[in-house]
């Protein structure tokens, strides 16, 4: 199970926290919620992943699709504070080159 929550909007960036697990079962709801957030804002999205405990290939695919949508609007998605297991998946798949990953 996962939870997606918009934490703040400072006019330049929108911070969205992702909590729990994103897998084959929760991916459809994650996609719907994330894409709705993307449609609602015209800024760079910061995904706070400090409480994201697991993400599978389906979840990573949704993030790639979301990145494409955001870049069409000349913005970006920043992955903030991923746990080591999540960071490792980004590195193994090469997505650490596509996304901005930051530790704060």
PDB file of N, CA and C in Angstrom:
ATOM      1  N   UNK A   1       0.840  -1.175   0.000  1.00  0.00           N
ATOM      2  CA  UNK A   1       0.000   0.000   0.000  1.00  0.00           C
ATOM      3  C   UNK A   1       0.888   1.242   0.000  1.00  0.00           C
ATOM      4  N   UNK A   2       0.393   2.299  -0.623  1.00  0.00           N
ATOM      5  CA  UNK A   2       1.163   3.531  -0.704  1.00  0.00           C
ATOM      6  C   UNK A   2       0.268   4.713  -0.352  1.00  0.00           C
ATOM      7  N   UNK A   3       0.923   5.821  -0.113  1.00  0.00           N
ATOM      8  CA  UNK A   3       0.209   7.074   0.134  1.00  0.00           C
ATOM      9  C   UNK A   3       0.952   8.180  -0.608  1.00  0.00           C
ATOM     10  N   UNK A   4       0.208   9.014  -1.299  1.00  0.00           N
ATOM     11  CA  UNK A   4       0.774  10.144  -2.033  1.00  0.00           C
ATOM     12  C   UNK A   4       0.142  11.401  -1.460  1.00  0.00           C
ATOM     13  N   UNK A   5       0.972  12.342  -1.039  1.00  0.00           N
ATOM     14  CA  UNK A   5       0.453  13.527  -0.364  1.00  0.00           C
ATOM     15  C   UNK A   5       1.222  14.761  -0.812  1.00  0.00           C
ATOM     16  N   UNK A   6       0.516  15.782  -1.287  1.00  0.00           N
ATOM     17  CA  UNK A   6       1.156  17.043  -1.641  1.00  0.00           C
ATOM     18  C   UNK A   6       1.431  17.802  -0.356  1.00  0.00           C
ATOM     19  N   UNK A   7       2.719  18.070  -0.117  1.00  0.00           N
ATOM     20  CA  UNK A   7       3.109  18.698   1.144  1.00  0.00           C
ATOM     21  C   UNK A   7       3.195  20.209   1.046  1.00  0.00           C
ATOM     22  N   UNK A   8       3.732  20.715  -0.053  1.00  0.00           N
ATOM     23  CA  UNK A   8       3.850  22.168  -0.167  1.00  0.00           C
ATOM     24  C   UNK A   8       3.981  22.584  -1.620  1.00  0.00           C
ATOM     25  N   UNK A   9       3.691  23.841  -1.841  1.00  0.00           N
ATOM     26  CA  UNK A   9       3.795  24.427  -3.167  1.00  0.00           C
ATOM     27  C   UNK A   9       4.316  25.841  -2.965  1.00  0.00           C
ATOM     28  N   UNK A  10       5.599  26.058  -3.301  1.00  0.00           N
ATOM     29  CA  UNK A  10       6.196  27.372  -3.080  1.00  0.00           C
ATOM     30  C   UNK A  10       6.181  28.253  -4.324  1.00  0.00           C
ATOM     31  N   UNK A  11       5.453  27.830  -5.348  1.00  0.00           N
ATOM     32  CA  UNK A  11       5.389  28.601  -6.584  1.00  0.00           C
ATOM     33  C   UNK A  11       6.387  28.138  -7.625  1.00  0.00           C
ATOM     34  N   UNK A  12       7.525  27.613  -7.183  1.00  0.00           N
ATOM     35  CA  UNK A  12       8.540  27.098  -8.105  1.00  0.00           C
ATOM     36  C   UNK A  12       8.521  25.576  -8.150  1.00  0.00           C
ATOM     37  N   UNK A  13       8.302  24.962  -7.002  1.00  0.00           N
ATOM     38  CA  UNK A  13       8.321  23.507  -6.884  1.00  0.00           C
ATOM     39  C   UNK A  13       7.113  23.024  -6.096  1.00  0.00           C
ATOM     40  N   UNK A  14       6.672  21.831  -6.414  1.00  0.00           N
ATOM     41  CA  UNK A  14       5.638  21.164  -5.637  1.00  0.00           C
ATOM     42  C   UNK A  14       6.284  19.945  -5.002  1.00  0.00           C
ATOM     43  N   UNK A  15       6.166  19.817  -3.685  1.00  0.00           N
ATOM     44  CA  UNK A  15       6.726  18.662  -2.996  1.00  0.00           C
ATOM     45  C   UNK A  15       5.605  17.663  -2.741  1.00  0.00           C
ATOM     46  N   UNK A  16       5.811  16.451  -3.240  1.00  0.00           N
ATOM     47  CA  UNK A  16       4.846  15.369  -3.063  1.00  0.00           C
ATOM     48  C   UNK A  16       5.557  14.244  -2.331  1.00  0.00           C
ATOM     49  N   UNK A  17       5.026  13.835  -1.196  1.00  0.00           N
ATOM     50  CA  UNK A  17       5.645  12.734  -0.457  1.00  0.00           C
ATOM     51  C   UNK A  17       5.003  11.419  -0.884  1.00  0.00           C
ATOM     52  N   UNK A  18       5.859  10.418  -1.017  1.00  0.00           N
ATOM     53  CA  UNK A  18       5.422   9.073  -1.392  1.00  0.00           C
ATOM     54  C   UNK A  18       5.781   8.162  -0.233  1.00  0.00           C
ATOM     55  N   UNK A  19       4.785   7.447   0.290  1.00  0.00           N
ATOM     56  CA  UNK A  19       5.013   6.577   1.446  1.00  0.00           C
ATOM     57  C   UNK A  19       4.538   5.164   1.135  1.00  0.00           C
ATOM     58  N   UNK A  20       5.257   4.192   1.661  1.00  0.00           N
ATOM     59  CA  UNK A  20       4.843   2.802   1.527  1.00  0.00           C
ATOM     60  C   UNK A  20       5.492   2.096   0.360  1.00  0.00           C
ATOM     61  N   UNK A  21       4.724   1.206  -0.276  1.00  0.00           N
ATOM     62  CA  UNK A  21       5.228   0.366  -1.361  1.00  0.00           C
ATOM     63  C   UNK A  21       4.465   0.632  -2.650  1.00  0.00           C
ATOM     64  N   UNK A  22       5.217   0.674  -3.753  1.00  0.00           N
ATOM     65  CA  UNK A  22       4.596   0.769  -5.070  1.00  0.00           C
ATOM     66  C   UNK A  22       4.939  -0.511  -5.806  1.00  0.00           C
ATOM     67  N   UNK A  23       3.928  -1.333  -6.003  1.00  0.00           N
ATOM     68  CA  UNK A  23       4.125  -2.610  -6.682  1.00  0.00           C
ATOM     69  C   UNK A  23       2.984  -2.829  -7.670  1.00  0.00           C
ATOM     70  N   UNK A  24       2.903  -4.019  -8.207  1.00  0.00           N
ATOM     71  CA  UNK A  24       1.900  -4.314  -9.237  1.00  0.00           C
ATOM     72  C   UNK A  24       0.475  -4.049  -8.737  1.00  0.00           C
ATOM     73  N   UNK A  25       0.258  -4.182  -7.450  1.00  0.00           N
ATOM     74  CA  UNK A  25      -1.084  -4.004  -6.901  1.00  0.00           C
ATOM     75  C   UNK A  25      -1.435  -2.530  -6.683  1.00  0.00           C
ATOM     76  N   UNK A  26      -0.466  -1.753  -6.253  1.00  0.00           N
ATOM     77  CA  UNK A  26      -0.741  -0.343  -5.968  1.00  0.00           C
ATOM     78  C   UNK A  26      -0.410   0.580  -7.139  1.00  0.00           C
ATOM     79  N   UNK A  27       0.273   0.052  -8.162  1.00  0.00           N
ATOM     80  CA  UNK A  27       0.723   0.879  -9.290  1.00  0.00           C
ATOM     81  C   UNK A  27      -0.404   1.633  -9.998  1.00  0.00           C
ATOM     82  N   UNK A  28      -1.546   1.009 -10.287  1.00  0.00           N
ATOM     83  CA  UNK A  28      -2.605   1.767 -10.978  1.00  0.00           C
ATOM     84  C   UNK A  28      -3.079   2.997 -10.188  1.00  0.00           C
ATOM     85  N   UNK A  29      -3.233   2.849  -8.884  1.00  0.00           N
ATOM     86  CA  UNK A  29      -3.646   3.987  -8.054  1.00  0.00           C
ATOM     87  C   UNK A  29      -2.538   5.031  -7.976  1.00  0.00           C
ATOM     88  N   UNK A  30      -1.287   4.563  -7.891  1.00  0.00           N
ATOM     89  CA  UNK A  30      -0.141   5.478  -7.874  1.00  0.00           C
ATOM     90  C   UNK A  30      -0.101   6.295  -9.157  1.00  0.00           C
ATOM     91  N   UNK A  31      -0.280   5.626 -10.291  1.00  0.00           N
ATOM     92  CA  UNK A  31      -0.250   6.317 -11.581  1.00  0.00           C
ATOM     93  C   UNK A  31      -1.343   7.375 -11.653  1.00  0.00           C
ATOM     94  N   UNK A  32      -2.548   6.998 -11.283  1.00  0.00           N
ATOM     95  CA  UNK A  32      -3.673   7.938 -11.334  1.00  0.00           C
ATOM     96  C   UNK A  32      -3.414   9.158 -10.443  1.00  0.00           C
ATOM     97  N   UNK A  33      -2.948   8.922  -9.233  1.00  0.00           N
ATOM     98  CA  UNK A  33      -2.698  10.021  -8.296  1.00  0.00           C
ATOM     99  C   UNK A  33      -1.556  10.918  -8.763  1.00  0.00           C
ATOM    100  N   UNK A  34      -0.468  10.301  -9.226  1.00  0.00           N
ATOM    101  CA  UNK A  34       0.691  11.080  -9.663  1.00  0.00           C
ATOM    102  C   UNK A  34       0.366  11.893 -10.907  1.00  0.00           C
ATOM    103  N   UNK A  35      -0.286  11.271 -11.881  1.00  0.00           N
ATOM    104  CA  UNK A  35      -0.622  11.988 -13.114  1.00  0.00           C
ATOM    105  C   UNK A  35      -1.611  13.111 -12.843  1.00  0.00           C
ATOM    106  N   UNK A  36      -2.521  12.918 -11.903  1.00  0.00           N
ATOM    107  CA  UNK A  36      -3.449  13.991 -11.533  1.00  0.00           C
ATOM    108  C   UNK A  36      -2.681  15.162 -10.930  1.00  0.00           C
ATOM    109  N   UNK A  37      -1.703  14.845 -10.083  1.00  0.00           N
ATOM    110  CA  UNK A  37      -0.872  15.901  -9.502  1.00  0.00           C
ATOM    111  C   UNK A  37      -0.117  16.656 -10.583  1.00  0.00           C
ATOM    112  N   UNK A  38       0.400  15.929 -11.566  1.00  0.00           N
ATOM    113  CA  UNK A  38       1.132  16.554 -12.675  1.00  0.00           C
ATOM    114  C   UNK A  38       0.208  17.477 -13.461  1.00  0.00           C
ATOM    115  N   UNK A  39      -1.005  17.028 -13.713  1.00  0.00           N
ATOM    116  CA  UNK A  39      -1.958  17.841 -14.473  1.00  0.00           C
ATOM    117  C   UNK A  39      -2.368  19.100 -13.720  1.00  0.00           C
ATOM    118  N   UNK A  40      -2.326  19.039 -12.396  1.00  0.00           N
ATOM    119  CA  UNK A  40      -2.777  20.158 -11.571  1.00  0.00           C
ATOM    120  C   UNK A  40      -1.733  21.252 -11.386  1.00  0.00           C
ATOM    121  N   UNK A  41      -0.470  20.959 -11.701  1.00  0.00           N
ATOM    122  CA  UNK A  41       0.590  21.943 -11.435  1.00  0.00           C
ATOM    123  C   UNK A  41       1.386  22.253 -12.695  1.00  0.00           C
ATOM    124  N   UNK A  42       2.031  23.382 -12.665  1.00  0.00           N
ATOM    125  CA  UNK A  42       2.888  23.815 -13.773  1.00  0.00           C
ATOM    126  C   UNK A  42       4.296  24.087 -13.252  1.00  0.00           C
ATOM    127  N   UNK A  43       4.766  23.253 -12.348  1.00  0.00           N
ATOM    128  CA  UNK A  43       6.073  23.456 -11.738  1.00  0.00           C
ATOM    129  C   UNK A  43       6.860  22.152 -11.723  1.00  0.00           C
ATOM    130  N   UNK A  44       8.114  22.282 -11.313  1.00  0.00           N
ATOM    131  CA  UNK A  44       8.931  21.100 -11.076  1.00  0.00           C
ATOM    132  C   UNK A  44       8.351  20.356  -9.882  1.00  0.00           C
ATOM    133  N   UNK A  45       8.349  19.034  -9.974  1.00  0.00           N
ATOM    134  CA  UNK A  45       7.810  18.193  -8.912  1.00  0.00           C
ATOM    135  C   UNK A  45       8.964  17.551  -8.160  1.00  0.00           C
ATOM    136  N   UNK A  46       8.952  17.701  -6.855  1.00  0.00           N
ATOM    137  CA  UNK A  46       9.919  17.026  -5.996  1.00  0.00           C
ATOM    138  C   UNK A  46       9.180  15.877  -5.329  1.00  0.00           C
ATOM    139  N   UNK A  47       9.606  14.650  -5.625  1.00  0.00           N
ATOM    140  CA  UNK A  47       9.023  13.477  -4.979  1.00  0.00           C
ATOM    141  C   UNK A  47       9.876  13.130  -3.765  1.00  0.00           C
ATOM    142  N   UNK A  48       9.340  13.369  -2.593  1.00  0.00           N
ATOM    143  CA  UNK A  48      10.046  13.012  -1.366  1.00  0.00           C
ATOM    144  C   UNK A  48       9.844  11.517  -1.136  1.00  0.00           C
ATOM    145  N   UNK A  49      10.903  10.762  -1.342  1.00  0.00           N
ATOM    146  CA  UNK A  49      10.829   9.296  -1.275  1.00  0.00           C
ATOM    147  C   UNK A  49      11.437   8.742   0.007  1.00  0.00           C
ATOM    148  N   UNK A  50      11.600   9.573   1.018  1.00  0.00           N
ATOM    149  CA  UNK A  50      12.232   9.108   2.255  1.00  0.00           C
ATOM    150  C   UNK A  50      11.420   8.012   2.938  1.00  0.00           C
ATOM    151  N   UNK A  51      10.115   7.967   2.708  1.00  0.00           N
ATOM    152  CA  UNK A  51       9.271   6.925   3.302  1.00  0.00           C
ATOM    153  C   UNK A  51       8.785   5.906   2.277  1.00  0.00           C
ATOM    154  N   UNK A  52       9.378   5.921   1.080  1.00  0.00           N
ATOM    155  CA  UNK A  52       9.064   4.911   0.067  1.00  0.00           C
ATOM    156  C   UNK A  52       9.923   3.691   0.371  1.00  0.00           C
ATOM    157  N   UNK A  53       9.287   2.599   0.763  1.00  0.00           N
ATOM    158  CA  UNK A  53      10.035   1.418   1.196  1.00  0.00           C
ATOM    159  C   UNK A  53      10.321   0.442   0.066  1.00  0.00           C
ATOM    160  N   UNK A  54       9.528   0.499  -1.021  1.00  0.00           N
ATOM    161  CA  UNK A  54       9.712  -0.453  -2.118  1.00  0.00           C
ATOM    162  C   UNK A  54       9.077   0.105  -3.381  1.00  0.00           C
ATOM    163  N   UNK A  55       9.730  -0.139  -4.513  1.00  0.00           N
ATOM    164  CA  UNK A  55       9.150   0.190  -5.811  1.00  0.00           C
ATOM    165  C   UNK A  55       9.604  -0.871  -6.796  1.00  0.00           C
ATOM    166  N   UNK A  56       8.680  -1.399  -7.592  1.00  0.00           N
ATOM    167  CA  UNK A  56       9.045  -2.418  -8.578  1.00  0.00           C
ATOM    168  C   UNK A  56       9.140  -1.786  -9.966  1.00  0.00           C
ATOM    169  N   UNK A  57       9.357  -2.629 -10.968  1.00  0.00           N
ATOM    170  CA  UNK A  57       9.556  -2.125 -12.331  1.00  0.00           C
ATOM    171  C   UNK A  57       8.329  -1.392 -12.859  1.00  0.00           C
ATOM    172  N   UNK A  58       7.158  -1.808 -12.443  1.00  0.00           N
ATOM    173  CA  UNK A  58       5.948  -1.114 -12.884  1.00  0.00           C
ATOM    174  C   UNK A  58       5.924   0.312 -12.324  1.00  0.00           C
ATOM    175  N   UNK A  59       6.294   0.455 -11.079  1.00  0.00           N
ATOM    176  CA  UNK A  59       6.366   1.778 -10.470  1.00  0.00           C
ATOM    177  C   UNK A  59       7.416   2.652 -11.130  1.00  0.00           C
ATOM    178  N   UNK A  60       8.565   2.059 -11.454  1.00  0.00           N
ATOM    179  CA  UNK A  60       9.611   2.812 -12.150  1.00  0.00           C
ATOM    180  C   UNK A  60       9.121   3.261 -13.520  1.00  0.00           C
ATOM    181  N   UNK A  61       8.383   2.395 -14.204  1.00  0.00           N
ATOM    182  CA  UNK A  61       7.828   2.750 -15.510  1.00  0.00           C
ATOM    183  C   UNK A  61       6.860   3.917 -15.418  1.00  0.00           C
ATOM    184  N   UNK A  62       6.075   3.950 -14.367  1.00  0.00           N
ATOM    185  CA  UNK A  62       5.147   5.064 -14.149  1.00  0.00           C
ATOM    186  C   UNK A  62       5.922   6.360 -13.934  1.00  0.00           C
ATOM    187  N   UNK A  63       7.012   6.278 -13.186  1.00  0.00           N
ATOM    188  CA  UNK A  63       7.838   7.470 -12.973  1.00  0.00           C
ATOM    189  C   UNK A  63       8.441   7.974 -14.278  1.00  0.00           C
ATOM    190  N   UNK A  64       8.867   7.058 -15.147  1.00  0.00           N
ATOM    191  CA  UNK A  64       9.415   7.460 -16.447  1.00  0.00           C
ATOM    192  C   UNK A  64       8.337   8.159 -17.278  1.00  0.00           C
ATOM    193  N   UNK A  65       7.133   7.597 -17.294  1.00  0.00           N
ATOM    194  CA  UNK A  65       6.023   8.229 -18.013  1.00  0.00           C
ATOM    195  C   UNK A  65       5.699   9.602 -17.450  1.00  0.00           C
ATOM    196  N   UNK A  66       5.748   9.718 -16.130  1.00  0.00           N
ATOM    197  CA  UNK A  66       5.489  11.007 -15.482  1.00  0.00           C
ATOM    198  C   UNK A  66       6.575  12.019 -15.843  1.00  0.00           C
ATOM    199  N   UNK A  67       7.822  11.555 -15.897  1.00  0.00           N
ATOM    200  CA  UNK A  67       8.926  12.446 -16.261  1.00  0.00           C
ATOM    201  C   UNK A  67       8.737  12.993 -17.673  1.00  0.00           C
ATOM    202  N   UNK A  68       8.299  12.150 -18.584  1.00  0.00           N
ATOM    203  CA  UNK A  68       8.047  12.597 -19.962  1.00  0.00           C
ATOM    204  C   UNK A  68       6.966  13.674 -19.988  1.00  0.00           C
ATOM    205  N   UNK A  69       5.897  13.465 -19.234  1.00  0.00           N
ATOM    206  CA  UNK A  69       4.809  14.449 -19.187  1.00  0.00           C
ATOM    207  C   UNK A  69       5.279  15.785 -18.628  1.00  0.00           C
ATOM    208  N   UNK A  70       6.052  15.721 -17.555  1.00  0.00           N
ATOM    209  CA  UNK A  70       6.527  16.940 -16.905  1.00  0.00           C
ATOM    210  C   UNK A  70       7.499  17.685 -17.816  1.00  0.00           C
ATOM    211  N   UNK A  71       8.358  16.955 -18.502  1.00  0.00           N
ATOM    212  CA  UNK A  71       9.331  17.605 -19.391  1.00  0.00           C
ATOM    213  C   UNK A  71       8.660  18.256 -20.594  1.00  0.00           C
ATOM    214  N   UNK A  72       7.487  17.764 -20.988  1.00  0.00           N
ATOM    215  CA  UNK A  72       6.742  18.426 -22.059  1.00  0.00           C
ATOM    216  C   UNK A  72       6.324  19.829 -21.637  1.00  0.00           C
ATOM    217  N   UNK A  73       6.227  20.045 -20.342  1.00  0.00           N
ATOM    218  CA  UNK A  73       5.876  21.363 -19.796  1.00  0.00           C
ATOM    219  C   UNK A  73       7.131  22.151 -19.402  1.00  0.00           C
ATOM    220  N   UNK A  74       8.303  21.659 -19.810  1.00  0.00           N
ATOM    221  CA  UNK A  74       9.590  22.289 -19.482  1.00  0.00           C
ATOM    222  C   UNK A  74       9.871  22.325 -17.985  1.00  0.00           C
ATOM    223  N   UNK A  75       9.484  21.279 -17.295  1.00  0.00           N
ATOM    224  CA  UNK A  75       9.784  21.131 -15.872  1.00  0.00           C
ATOM    225  C   UNK A  75      10.475  19.793 -15.664  1.00  0.00           C
ATOM    226  N   UNK A  76      10.642  19.400 -14.420  1.00  0.00           N
ATOM    227  CA  UNK A  76      11.384  18.185 -14.123  1.00  0.00           C
ATOM    228  C   UNK A  76      10.792  17.489 -12.906  1.00  0.00           C
ATOM    229  N   UNK A  77      11.248  16.268 -12.670  1.00  0.00           N
ATOM    230  CA  UNK A  77      10.922  15.539 -11.448  1.00  0.00           C
ATOM    231  C   UNK A  77      12.231  15.291 -10.717  1.00  0.00           C
ATOM    232  N   UNK A  78      12.257  15.678  -9.461  1.00  0.00           N
ATOM    233  CA  UNK A  78      13.417  15.445  -8.604  1.00  0.00           C
ATOM    234  C   UNK A  78      13.040  14.362  -7.601  1.00  0.00           C
ATOM    235  N   UNK A  79      13.875  13.348  -7.501  1.00  0.00           N
ATOM    236  CA  UNK A  79      13.678  12.280  -6.520  1.00  0.00           C
ATOM    237  C   UNK A  79      14.492  12.665  -5.292  1.00  0.00           C
ATOM    238  N   UNK A  80      13.807  12.934  -4.191  1.00  0.00           N
ATOM    239  CA  UNK A  80      14.481  13.418  -2.980  1.00  0.00           C
ATOM    240  C   UNK A  80      14.537  12.332  -1.906  1.00  0.00           C
ATOM    241  N   UNK A  81      15.713  12.175  -1.326  1.00  0.00           N
ATOM    242  CA  UNK A  81      15.943  11.302  -0.167  1.00  0.00           C
ATOM    243  C   UNK A  81      15.479   9.855  -0.344  1.00  0.00           C
ATOM    244  N   UNK A  82      15.812   9.210  -1.465  1.00  0.00           N
ATOM    245  CA  UNK A  82      15.410   7.806  -1.588  1.00  0.00           C
ATOM    246  C   UNK A  82      16.219   6.926  -0.633  1.00  0.00           C
ATOM    247  N   UNK A  83      15.583   5.890  -0.124  1.00  0.00           N
ATOM    248  CA  UNK A  83      16.296   4.919   0.709  1.00  0.00           C
ATOM    249  C   UNK A  83      17.324   4.199  -0.154  1.00  0.00           C
ATOM    250  N   UNK A  84      18.269   3.555   0.477  1.00  0.00           N
ATOM    251  CA  UNK A  84      19.362   2.913  -0.267  1.00  0.00           C
ATOM    252  C   UNK A  84      18.855   1.857  -1.238  1.00  0.00           C
ATOM    253  N   UNK A  85      17.814   1.114  -0.872  1.00  0.00           N
ATOM    254  CA  UNK A  85      17.287   0.080  -1.772  1.00  0.00           C
ATOM    255  C   UNK A  85      16.641   0.696  -3.008  1.00  0.00           C
ATOM    256  N   UNK A  86      15.946   1.795  -2.829  1.00  0.00           N
ATOM    257  CA  UNK A  86      15.310   2.487  -3.952  1.00  0.00           C
ATOM    258  C   UNK A  86      16.377   3.147  -4.820  1.00  0.00           C
ATOM    259  N   UNK A  87      17.359   3.768  -4.191  1.00  0.00           N
ATOM    260  CA  UNK A  87      18.455   4.398  -4.932  1.00  0.00           C
ATOM    261  C   UNK A  87      19.196   3.354  -5.770  1.00  0.00           C
ATOM    262  N   UNK A  88      19.390   2.178  -5.204  1.00  0.00           N
ATOM    263  CA  UNK A  88      20.085   1.100  -5.924  1.00  0.00           C
ATOM    264  C   UNK A  88      19.319   0.708  -7.184  1.00  0.00           C
ATOM    265  N   UNK A  89      17.995   0.633  -7.105  1.00  0.00           N
ATOM    266  CA  UNK A  89      17.184   0.308  -8.288  1.00  0.00           C
ATOM    267  C   UNK A  89      17.330   1.369  -9.371  1.00  0.00           C
ATOM    268  N   UNK A  90      17.362   2.622  -8.970  1.00  0.00           N
ATOM    269  CA  UNK A  90      17.571   3.695  -9.947  1.00  0.00           C
ATOM    270  C   UNK A  90      18.936   3.546 -10.616  1.00  0.00           C
ATOM    271  N   UNK A  91      19.948   3.203  -9.821  1.00  0.00           N
ATOM    272  CA  UNK A  91      21.295   3.054 -10.366  1.00  0.00           C
ATOM    273  C   UNK A  91      21.386   1.846 -11.297  1.00  0.00           C
ATOM    274  N   UNK A  92      20.839   0.709 -10.894  1.00  0.00           N
ATOM    275  CA  UNK A  92      20.893  -0.516 -11.698  1.00  0.00           C
ATOM    276  C   UNK A  92      20.179  -0.333 -13.033  1.00  0.00           C
ATOM    277  N   UNK A  93      19.054   0.362 -13.012  1.00  0.00           N
ATOM    278  CA  UNK A  93      18.262   0.546 -14.238  1.00  0.00           C
ATOM    279  C   UNK A  93      18.744   1.718 -15.088  1.00  0.00           C
ATOM    280  N   UNK A  94      19.674   2.488 -14.571  1.00  0.00           N
ATOM    281  CA  UNK A  94      20.167   3.651 -15.306  1.00  0.00           C
ATOM    282  C   UNK A  94      19.287   4.879 -15.158  1.00  0.00           C
ATOM    283  N   UNK A  95      18.238   4.772 -14.363  1.00  0.00           N
ATOM    284  CA  UNK A  95      17.332   5.909 -14.190  1.00  0.00           C
ATOM    285  C   UNK A  95      17.945   7.027 -13.353  1.00  0.00           C
ATOM    286  N   UNK A  96      19.060   6.735 -12.694  1.00  0.00           N
ATOM    287  CA  UNK A  96      19.749   7.802 -11.970  1.00  0.00           C
ATOM    288  C   UNK A  96      20.337   8.832 -12.930  1.00  0.00           C
ATOM    289  N   UNK A  97      20.419   8.478 -14.204  1.00  0.00           N
ATOM    290  CA  UNK A  97      20.883   9.419 -15.230  1.00  0.00           C
ATOM    291  C   UNK A  97      19.721  10.263 -15.779  1.00  0.00           C
ATOM    292  N   UNK A  98      18.507   9.724 -15.712  1.00  0.00           N
ATOM    293  CA  UNK A  98      17.328  10.421 -16.243  1.00  0.00           C
ATOM    294  C   UNK A  98      16.721  11.378 -15.215  1.00  0.00           C
ATOM    295  N   UNK A  99      16.725  10.964 -13.961  1.00  0.00           N
ATOM    296  CA  UNK A  99      16.132  11.763 -12.892  1.00  0.00           C
ATOM    297  C   UNK A  99      17.214  12.507 -12.124  1.00  0.00           C
ATOM    298  N   UNK A 100      16.842  13.627 -11.571  1.00  0.00           N
ATOM    299  CA  UNK A 100      17.702  14.307 -10.605  1.00  0.00           C
ATOM    300  C   UNK A 100      17.420  13.648  -9.260  1.00  0.00           C
ATOM    301  N   UNK A 101      18.462  13.131  -8.633  1.00  0.00           N
ATOM    302  CA  UNK A 101      18.309  12.498  -7.324  1.00  0.00           C
ATOM    303  C   UNK A 101      19.095  13.330  -6.327  1.00  0.00           C
ATOM    304  N   UNK A 102      18.406  13.758  -5.267  1.00  0.00           N
ATOM    305  CA  UNK A 102      19.072  14.616  -4.289  1.00  0.00           C
ATOM    306  C   UNK A 102      18.828  14.134  -2.874  1.00  0.00           C
ATOM    307  N   UNK A 103      19.806  14.404  -2.039  1.00  0.00           N
ATOM    308  CA  UNK A 103      19.710  14.142  -0.604  1.00  0.00           C
ATOM    309  C   UNK A 103      19.635  15.492   0.099  1.00  0.00           C
ATOM    310  N   UNK A 104      18.663  15.636   0.964  1.00  0.00           N
ATOM    311  CA  UNK A 104      18.514  16.897   1.698  1.00  0.00           C
ATOM    312  C   UNK A 104      18.493  16.613   3.183  1.00  0.00           C
TER     313      UNK A 104
END
